[in-house]
PDB file of N, CA and C in Angstrom:
ATOM      1  N   UNK A   1      -5.162  13.954  -8.111  1.00  0.00           N
ATOM      2  CA  UNK A   1      -4.780  14.002  -9.212  1.00  0.00           C
ATOM      3  C   UNK A   1      -5.743  13.738 -10.146  1.00  0.00           C
ATOM      4  N   UNK A   2      -6.418  12.610  -9.539  1.00  0.00           N
ATOM      5  CA  UNK A   2      -7.305  12.054 -11.271  1.00  0.00           C
ATOM      6  C   UNK A   2      -8.945  12.919 -10.660  1.00  0.00           C
ATOM      7  N   UNK A   3      -9.024  13.049  -8.502  1.00  0.00           N
ATOM      8  CA  UNK A   3     -10.115  14.309  -9.255  1.00  0.00           C
ATOM      9  C   UNK A   3     -10.250  14.577  -9.682  1.00  0.00           C
ATOM     10  N   UNK A   4      -9.034  15.573 -10.031  1.00  0.00           N
ATOM     11  CA  UNK A   4      -9.100  17.081 -10.665  1.00  0.00           C
ATOM     12  C   UNK A   4      -9.462  16.911 -12.553  1.00  0.00           C
ATOM     13  N   UNK A   5      -9.091  15.670 -13.100  1.00  0.00           N
ATOM     14  CA  UNK A   5      -9.744  15.018 -14.330  1.00  0.00           C
ATOM     15  C   UNK A   5      -7.928  15.440 -15.144  1.00  0.00           C
ATOM     16  N   UNK A   6      -7.042  14.437 -14.386  1.00  0.00           N
ATOM     17  CA  UNK A   6      -5.599  14.361 -15.099  1.00  0.00           C
ATOM     18  C   UNK A   6      -5.591  12.845 -15.110  1.00  0.00           C
ATOM     19  N   UNK A   7      -6.389  12.618 -16.666  1.00  0.00           N
ATOM     20  CA  UNK A   7      -6.549  10.799 -17.287  1.00  0.00           C
ATOM     21  C   UNK A   7      -4.725  10.790 -17.709  1.00  0.00           C
ATOM     22  N   UNK A   8      -4.380   9.464 -17.174  1.00  0.00           N
ATOM     23  CA  UNK A   8      -2.810   8.392 -17.400  1.00  0.00           C
ATOM     24  C   UNK A   8      -2.814   8.652 -18.976  1.00  0.00           C
ATOM     25  N   UNK A   9      -1.137   9.015 -19.625  1.00  0.00           N
ATOM     26  CA  UNK A   9      -1.544   9.172 -20.784  1.00  0.00           C
ATOM     27  C   UNK A   9       0.382   8.761 -20.785  1.00  0.00           C
ATOM     28  N   UNK A  10       0.509   9.424 -22.018  1.00  0.00           N
ATOM     29  CA  UNK A  10       1.633   9.605 -22.149  1.00  0.00           C
ATOM     30  C   UNK A  10       2.350  10.868 -22.731  1.00  0.00           C
ATOM     31  N   UNK A  11       1.623  11.948 -21.950  1.00  0.00           N
ATOM     32  CA  UNK A  11       2.371  12.994 -22.900  1.00  0.00           C
ATOM     33  C   UNK A  11       1.678  13.905 -22.033  1.00  0.00           C
ATOM     34  N   UNK A  12       2.159  15.081 -21.524  1.00  0.00           N
ATOM     35  CA  UNK A  12       2.641  16.095 -20.603  1.00  0.00           C
ATOM     36  C   UNK A  12       1.692  15.143 -19.102  1.00  0.00           C
ATOM     37  N   UNK A  13       0.558  16.170 -17.449  1.00  0.00           N
ATOM     38  CA  UNK A  13       0.294  15.539 -16.467  1.00  0.00           C
ATOM     39  C   UNK A  13       0.035  14.413 -17.694  1.00  0.00           C
ATOM     40  N   UNK A  14      -0.354  13.825 -18.352  1.00  0.00           N
ATOM     41  CA  UNK A  14      -1.131  12.270 -17.692  1.00  0.00           C
ATOM     42  C   UNK A  14      -0.035  11.141 -17.414  1.00  0.00           C
ATOM     43  N   UNK A  15       0.929  12.076 -18.363  1.00  0.00           N
ATOM     44  CA  UNK A  15       2.592  11.221 -17.610  1.00  0.00           C
ATOM     45  C   UNK A  15       2.629  10.612 -16.471  1.00  0.00           C
ATOM     46  N   UNK A  16       2.548  11.795 -15.920  1.00  0.00           N
ATOM     47  CA  UNK A  16       2.564  11.926 -14.954  1.00  0.00           C
ATOM     48  C   UNK A  16       2.147  11.244 -13.897  1.00  0.00           C
ATOM     49  N   UNK A  17       1.221  11.158 -13.927  1.00  0.00           N
ATOM     50  CA  UNK A  17       0.249  10.189 -13.418  1.00  0.00           C
ATOM     51  C   UNK A  17       0.055   8.645 -13.179  1.00  0.00           C
ATOM     52  N   UNK A  18       1.161   8.770 -15.142  1.00  0.00           N
ATOM     53  CA  UNK A  18       1.174   6.672 -15.355  1.00  0.00           C
ATOM     54  C   UNK A  18       2.194   6.480 -14.350  1.00  0.00           C
ATOM     55  N   UNK A  19       3.533   7.841 -14.826  1.00  0.00           N
ATOM     56  CA  UNK A  19       3.798   7.219 -13.670  1.00  0.00           C
ATOM     57  C   UNK A  19       4.121   6.752 -12.082  1.00  0.00           C
ATOM     58  N   UNK A  20       3.088   8.319 -11.748  1.00  0.00           N
ATOM     59  CA  UNK A  20       2.863   7.750  -9.943  1.00  0.00           C
ATOM     60  C   UNK A  20       1.832   6.561  -9.939  1.00  0.00           C
ATOM     61  N   UNK A  21       1.253   5.945 -10.936  1.00  0.00           N
ATOM     62  CA  UNK A  21       0.399   4.928 -10.721  1.00  0.00           C
ATOM     63  C   UNK A  21       1.823   3.717 -10.923  1.00  0.00           C
ATOM     64  N   UNK A  22       2.437   3.723 -11.969  1.00  0.00           N
ATOM     65  CA  UNK A  22       2.830   2.540 -11.823  1.00  0.00           C
ATOM     66  C   UNK A  22       4.303   2.064 -10.573  1.00  0.00           C
ATOM     67  N   UNK A  23       4.367   3.499 -10.050  1.00  0.00           N
ATOM     68  CA  UNK A  23       5.284   3.268  -8.480  1.00  0.00           C
ATOM     69  C   UNK A  23       3.810   3.104  -7.787  1.00  0.00           C
ATOM     70  N   UNK A  24       3.114   2.529  -7.164  1.00  0.00           N
ATOM     71  CA  UNK A  24       2.018   2.902  -6.430  1.00  0.00           C
ATOM     72  C   UNK A  24       2.484   1.064  -7.021  1.00  0.00           C
ATOM     73  N   UNK A  25       1.784   1.071  -7.731  1.00  0.00           N
ATOM     74  CA  UNK A  25       1.668  -0.951  -8.327  1.00  0.00           C
ATOM     75  C   UNK A  25       2.999  -1.493  -7.513  1.00  0.00           C
ATOM     76  N   UNK A  26       3.888  -1.333  -8.158  1.00  0.00           N
ATOM     77  CA  UNK A  26       5.405  -1.666  -7.420  1.00  0.00           C
ATOM     78  C   UNK A  26       5.695  -1.828  -6.262  1.00  0.00           C
ATOM     79  N   UNK A  27       4.968  -0.437  -6.072  1.00  0.00           N
ATOM     80  CA  UNK A  27       5.434  -0.554  -3.993  1.00  0.00           C
ATOM     81  C   UNK A  27       4.187  -1.872  -3.470  1.00  0.00           C
ATOM     82  N   UNK A  28       2.892  -2.193  -4.281  1.00  0.00           N
ATOM     83  CA  UNK A  28       2.070  -3.208  -3.895  1.00  0.00           C
ATOM     84  C   UNK A  28       2.477  -4.370  -3.624  1.00  0.00           C
ATOM     85  N   UNK A  29       3.332  -4.855  -4.527  1.00  0.00           N
ATOM     86  CA  UNK A  29       4.233  -5.784  -5.844  1.00  0.00           C
ATOM     87  C   UNK A  29       4.980  -5.981  -4.150  1.00  0.00           C
ATOM     88  N   UNK A  30       6.131  -5.098  -3.883  1.00  0.00           N
ATOM     89  CA  UNK A  30       6.685  -5.427  -2.758  1.00  0.00           C
ATOM     90  C   UNK A  30       6.751  -5.231  -1.477  1.00  0.00           C
ATOM     91  N   UNK A  31       5.419  -5.132  -1.354  1.00  0.00           N
ATOM     92  CA  UNK A  31       4.869  -4.985   0.368  1.00  0.00           C
ATOM     93  C   UNK A  31       3.458  -6.267   0.368  1.00  0.00           C
ATOM     94  N   UNK A  32       3.833  -6.819  -0.855  1.00  0.00           N
ATOM     95  CA  UNK A  32       3.008  -8.482  -1.422  1.00  0.00           C
ATOM     96  C   UNK A  32       1.381  -7.623  -0.655  1.00  0.00           C
ATOM     97  N   UNK A  33       1.004  -7.051  -1.214  1.00  0.00           N
ATOM     98  CA  UNK A  33      -0.170  -6.526  -1.359  1.00  0.00           C
ATOM     99  C   UNK A  33      -1.215  -6.864  -2.320  1.00  0.00           C
ATOM    100  N   UNK A  34      -2.013  -6.773  -2.189  1.00  0.00           N
ATOM    101  CA  UNK A  34      -3.122  -7.198  -3.472  1.00  0.00           C
ATOM    102  C   UNK A  34      -3.599  -5.694  -5.058  1.00  0.00           C
ATOM    103  N   UNK A  35      -4.329  -5.427  -5.126  1.00  0.00           N
ATOM    104  CA  UNK A  35      -5.273  -3.995  -5.294  1.00  0.00           C
ATOM    105  C   UNK A  35      -5.796  -4.459  -5.148  1.00  0.00           C
ATOM    106  N   UNK A  36      -6.804  -4.849  -4.983  1.00  0.00           N
ATOM    107  CA  UNK A  36      -8.193  -5.076  -3.862  1.00  0.00           C
ATOM    108  C   UNK A  36      -8.153  -3.846  -2.594  1.00  0.00           C
ATOM    109  N   UNK A  37      -6.575  -4.077  -1.769  1.00  0.00           N
ATOM    110  CA  UNK A  37      -6.393  -3.689  -1.233  1.00  0.00           C
ATOM    111  C   UNK A  37      -5.970  -1.963  -1.460  1.00  0.00           C
ATOM    112  N   UNK A  38      -5.487  -1.837  -2.676  1.00  0.00           N
ATOM    113  CA  UNK A  38      -5.418  -0.161  -3.778  1.00  0.00           C
ATOM    114  C   UNK A  38      -7.129   0.237  -3.378  1.00  0.00           C
ATOM    115  N   UNK A  39      -7.673  -0.007  -3.884  1.00  0.00           N
ATOM    116  CA  UNK A  39      -8.982   0.175  -3.468  1.00  0.00           C
ATOM    117  C   UNK A  39      -9.394   0.439  -1.997  1.00  0.00           C
ATOM    118  N   UNK A  40      -8.681   0.350  -1.209  1.00  0.00           N
ATOM    119  CA  UNK A  40      -9.181   0.123   0.248  1.00  0.00           C
ATOM    120  C   UNK A  40      -8.670   1.446   0.537  1.00  0.00           C
ATOM    121  N   UNK A  41      -7.914   1.641   0.920  1.00  0.00           N
ATOM    122  CA  UNK A  41      -6.933   2.513   1.423  1.00  0.00           C
ATOM    123  C   UNK A  41      -7.068   3.780  -0.061  1.00  0.00           C
ATOM    124  N   UNK A  42      -7.702   3.494  -1.548  1.00  0.00           N
ATOM    125  CA  UNK A  42      -8.222   4.951  -2.078  1.00  0.00           C
ATOM    126  C   UNK A  42      -9.754   4.810  -1.198  1.00  0.00           C
ATOM    127  N   UNK A  43     -10.730   4.629  -0.617  1.00  0.00           N
ATOM    128  CA  UNK A  43     -12.014   4.784  -0.404  1.00  0.00           C
ATOM    129  C   UNK A  43     -11.334   5.061   1.203  1.00  0.00           C
ATOM    130  N   UNK A  44     -10.115   5.116   1.777  1.00  0.00           N
ATOM    131  CA  UNK A  44     -10.332   5.920   2.747  1.00  0.00           C
ATOM    132  C   UNK A  44      -9.675   7.025   2.551  1.00  0.00           C
ATOM    133  N   UNK A  45      -9.251   6.995   1.526  1.00  0.00           N
ATOM    134  CA  UNK A  45      -8.321   8.501   1.478  1.00  0.00           C
ATOM    135  C   UNK A  45      -9.484   9.352   1.178  1.00  0.00           C
ATOM    136  N   UNK A  46     -10.523   8.478  -0.291  1.00  0.00           N
ATOM    137  CA  UNK A  46     -11.502   9.823  -0.275  1.00  0.00           C
ATOM    138  C   UNK A  46     -12.113  10.423   1.155  1.00  0.00           C
ATOM    139  N   UNK A  47     -12.964   9.069   1.843  1.00  0.00           N
ATOM    140  CA  UNK A  47     -13.922   9.614   2.676  1.00  0.00           C
ATOM    141  C   UNK A  47     -13.057  10.716   3.646  1.00  0.00           C
ATOM    142  N   UNK A  48     -12.273  10.730   4.103  1.00  0.00           N
ATOM    143  CA  UNK A  48     -11.075  11.537   4.156  1.00  0.00           C
ATOM    144  C   UNK A  48     -11.103  13.205   3.566  1.00  0.00           C
ATOM    145  N   UNK A  49     -10.856  12.593   2.480  1.00  0.00           N
ATOM    146  CA  UNK A  49     -11.117  13.884   1.707  1.00  0.00           C
ATOM    147  C   UNK A  49     -11.249  14.988   1.864  1.00  0.00           C
ATOM    148  N   UNK A  50     -12.473  14.020   1.047  1.00  0.00           N
ATOM    149  CA  UNK A  50     -14.299  14.239   0.977  1.00  0.00           C
ATOM    150  C   UNK A  50     -14.192  15.924   1.735  1.00  0.00           C
ATOM    151  N   UNK A  51     -14.471  15.491   3.553  1.00  0.00           N
ATOM    152  CA  UNK A  51     -15.009  16.827   4.352  1.00  0.00           C
ATOM    153  C   UNK A  51     -14.017  18.364   3.300  1.00  0.00           C
ATOM    154  N   UNK A  52     -13.114  18.672   3.029  1.00  0.00           N
ATOM    155  CA  UNK A  52     -12.516  19.315   2.873  1.00  0.00           C
ATOM    156  C   UNK A  52     -12.596  19.543   1.162  1.00  0.00           C
ATOM    157  N   UNK A  53     -12.393  18.113   0.505  1.00  0.00           N
ATOM    158  CA  UNK A  53     -12.744  18.053  -1.709  1.00  0.00           C
ATOM    159  C   UNK A  53     -13.620  17.775  -1.637  1.00  0.00           C
ATOM    160  N   UNK A  54     -14.482  18.112  -1.768  1.00  0.00           N
ATOM    161  CA  UNK A  54     -16.431  17.144  -1.803  1.00  0.00           C
ATOM    162  C   UNK A  54     -15.862  16.265  -3.422  1.00  0.00           C
ATOM    163  N   UNK A  55     -15.279  16.955  -3.739  1.00  0.00           N
ATOM    164  CA  UNK A  55     -14.978  16.701  -5.673  1.00  0.00           C
ATOM    165  C   UNK A  55     -14.953  15.186  -5.141  1.00  0.00           C
ATOM    166  N   UNK A  56     -13.360  14.753  -4.825  1.00  0.00           N
ATOM    167  CA  UNK A  56     -13.461  13.169  -4.261  1.00  0.00           C
ATOM    168  C   UNK A  56     -13.452  12.400  -4.438  1.00  0.00           C
ATOM    169  N   UNK A  57     -14.330  13.900  -3.769  1.00  0.00           N
ATOM    170  CA  UNK A  57     -16.183  12.031  -3.085  1.00  0.00           C
ATOM    171  C   UNK A  57     -16.453  11.693  -5.153  1.00  0.00           C
ATOM    172  N   UNK A  58     -16.756  13.119  -4.743  1.00  0.00           N
ATOM    173  CA  UNK A  58     -17.378  12.784  -6.793  1.00  0.00           C
ATOM    174  C   UNK A  58     -17.076  11.620  -7.570  1.00  0.00           C
ATOM    175  N   UNK A  59     -16.034  12.063  -7.486  1.00  0.00           N
ATOM    176  CA  UNK A  59     -15.050  11.215  -8.524  1.00  0.00           C
ATOM    177  C   UNK A  59     -14.319   9.760  -8.589  1.00  0.00           C
ATOM    178  N   UNK A  60     -14.674   9.546  -7.038  1.00  0.00           N
ATOM    179  CA  UNK A  60     -13.883   8.049  -6.671  1.00  0.00           C
ATOM    180  C   UNK A  60     -14.732   7.694  -6.768  1.00  0.00           C
ATOM    181  N   UNK A  61     -15.513   7.246  -8.063  1.00  0.00           N
ATOM    182  CA  UNK A  61     -15.500   5.525  -9.252  1.00  0.00           C
ATOM    183  C   UNK A  61     -14.898   5.987 -10.684  1.00  0.00           C
ATOM    184  N   UNK A  62     -14.946   7.061 -10.530  1.00  0.00           N
ATOM    185  CA  UNK A  62     -13.995   7.543 -12.151  1.00  0.00           C
ATOM    186  C   UNK A  62     -12.395   7.221 -11.453  1.00  0.00           C
ATOM    187  N   UNK A  63     -11.892   7.485 -10.074  1.00  0.00           N
ATOM    188  CA  UNK A  63     -10.485   7.259 -10.806  1.00  0.00           C
ATOM    189  C   UNK A  63     -10.449   5.568  -9.504  1.00  0.00           C
ATOM    190  N   UNK A  64     -11.407   5.180  -9.426  1.00  0.00           N
ATOM    191  CA  UNK A  64     -10.792   3.340  -8.836  1.00  0.00           C
ATOM    192  C   UNK A  64     -10.876   2.879 -10.276  1.00  0.00           C
ATOM    193  N   UNK A  65     -11.772   3.096 -11.693  1.00  0.00           N
ATOM    194  CA  UNK A  65     -11.470   2.786 -13.452  1.00  0.00           C
ATOM    195  C   UNK A  65      -9.976   3.509 -13.931  1.00  0.00           C
ATOM    196  N   UNK A  66     -10.066   4.280 -13.198  1.00  0.00           N
ATOM    197  CA  UNK A  66      -9.008   4.527 -14.483  1.00  0.00           C
ATOM    198  C   UNK A  66      -7.460   3.621 -13.654  1.00  0.00           C
ATOM    199  N   UNK A  67      -7.359   3.506 -11.302  1.00  0.00           N
ATOM    200  CA  UNK A  67      -6.675   2.368 -11.045  1.00  0.00           C
ATOM    201  C   UNK A  67      -7.143   1.195 -11.682  1.00  0.00           C
ATOM    202  N   UNK A  68      -7.749   0.595 -12.357  1.00  0.00           N
ATOM    203  CA  UNK A  68      -8.375  -0.894 -13.333  1.00  0.00           C
ATOM    204  C   UNK A  68      -8.011  -1.053 -14.394  1.00  0.00           C
ATOM    205  N   UNK A  69      -8.049   0.887 -15.415  1.00  0.00           N
ATOM    206  CA  UNK A  69      -7.366   0.309 -16.923  1.00  0.00           C
ATOM    207  C   UNK A  69      -5.978   0.732 -16.560  1.00  0.00           C
ATOM    208  N   UNK A  70      -5.602   1.009 -15.566  1.00  0.00           N
ATOM    209  CA  UNK A  70      -3.326   0.566 -15.549  1.00  0.00           C
ATOM    210  C   UNK A  70      -3.526  -0.370 -15.426  1.00  0.00           C
ATOM    211  N   UNK A  71      -3.979  -0.923 -15.053  1.00  0.00           N
ATOM    212  CA  UNK A  71      -3.461  -2.373 -13.662  1.00  0.00           C
ATOM    213  C   UNK A  71      -3.463  -2.962 -14.510  1.00  0.00           C
ATOM    214  N   UNK A  72      -4.257  -3.312 -15.835  1.00  0.00           N
ATOM    215  CA  UNK A  72      -4.152  -4.242 -16.984  1.00  0.00           C
ATOM    216  C   UNK A  72      -3.492  -4.205 -17.903  1.00  0.00           C
ATOM    217  N   UNK A  73      -3.508  -3.107 -18.213  1.00  0.00           N
ATOM    218  CA  UNK A  73      -1.812  -2.515 -18.894  1.00  0.00           C
ATOM    219  C   UNK A  73      -1.044  -2.503 -18.316  1.00  0.00           C
ATOM    220  N   UNK A  74      -0.519  -3.432 -17.479  1.00  0.00           N
ATOM    221  CA  UNK A  74       0.403  -3.690 -17.060  1.00  0.00           C
ATOM    222  C   UNK A  74       1.079  -4.500 -16.590  1.00  0.00           C
ATOM    223  N   UNK A  75      -0.184  -5.563 -16.352  1.00  0.00           N
ATOM    224  CA  UNK A  75      -0.072  -6.538 -16.966  1.00  0.00           C
ATOM    225  C   UNK A  75       0.368  -7.438 -17.956  1.00  0.00           C
ATOM    226  N   UNK A  76       1.344  -9.060 -17.387  1.00  0.00           N
ATOM    227  CA  UNK A  76       2.782  -9.009 -18.706  1.00  0.00           C
ATOM    228  C   UNK A  76       2.252 -10.332 -19.140  1.00  0.00           C
ATOM    229  N   UNK A  77       1.918 -11.418 -20.610  1.00  0.00           N
ATOM    230  CA  UNK A  77       1.049 -11.652 -21.298  1.00  0.00           C
ATOM    231  C   UNK A  77       1.402 -12.967 -20.701  1.00  0.00           C
TER     232      UNK A  77
END
């Protein structure tokens, strides 16, 4: 989704991306995993799918940055 250029937001496709991120972060917490472990999973998936979808690997840094921004927005003060 993110490798296709969808940016998390509060409207249209971006809203679906934001919902997905929030669900992933909740699952991480419930599994006692850290966000760094999510980045490891992203690396594994990007390497796996890049054989069939090369743009996934080329967008990997942007995907990680979007994840970090969303993670920061979910932190409670």
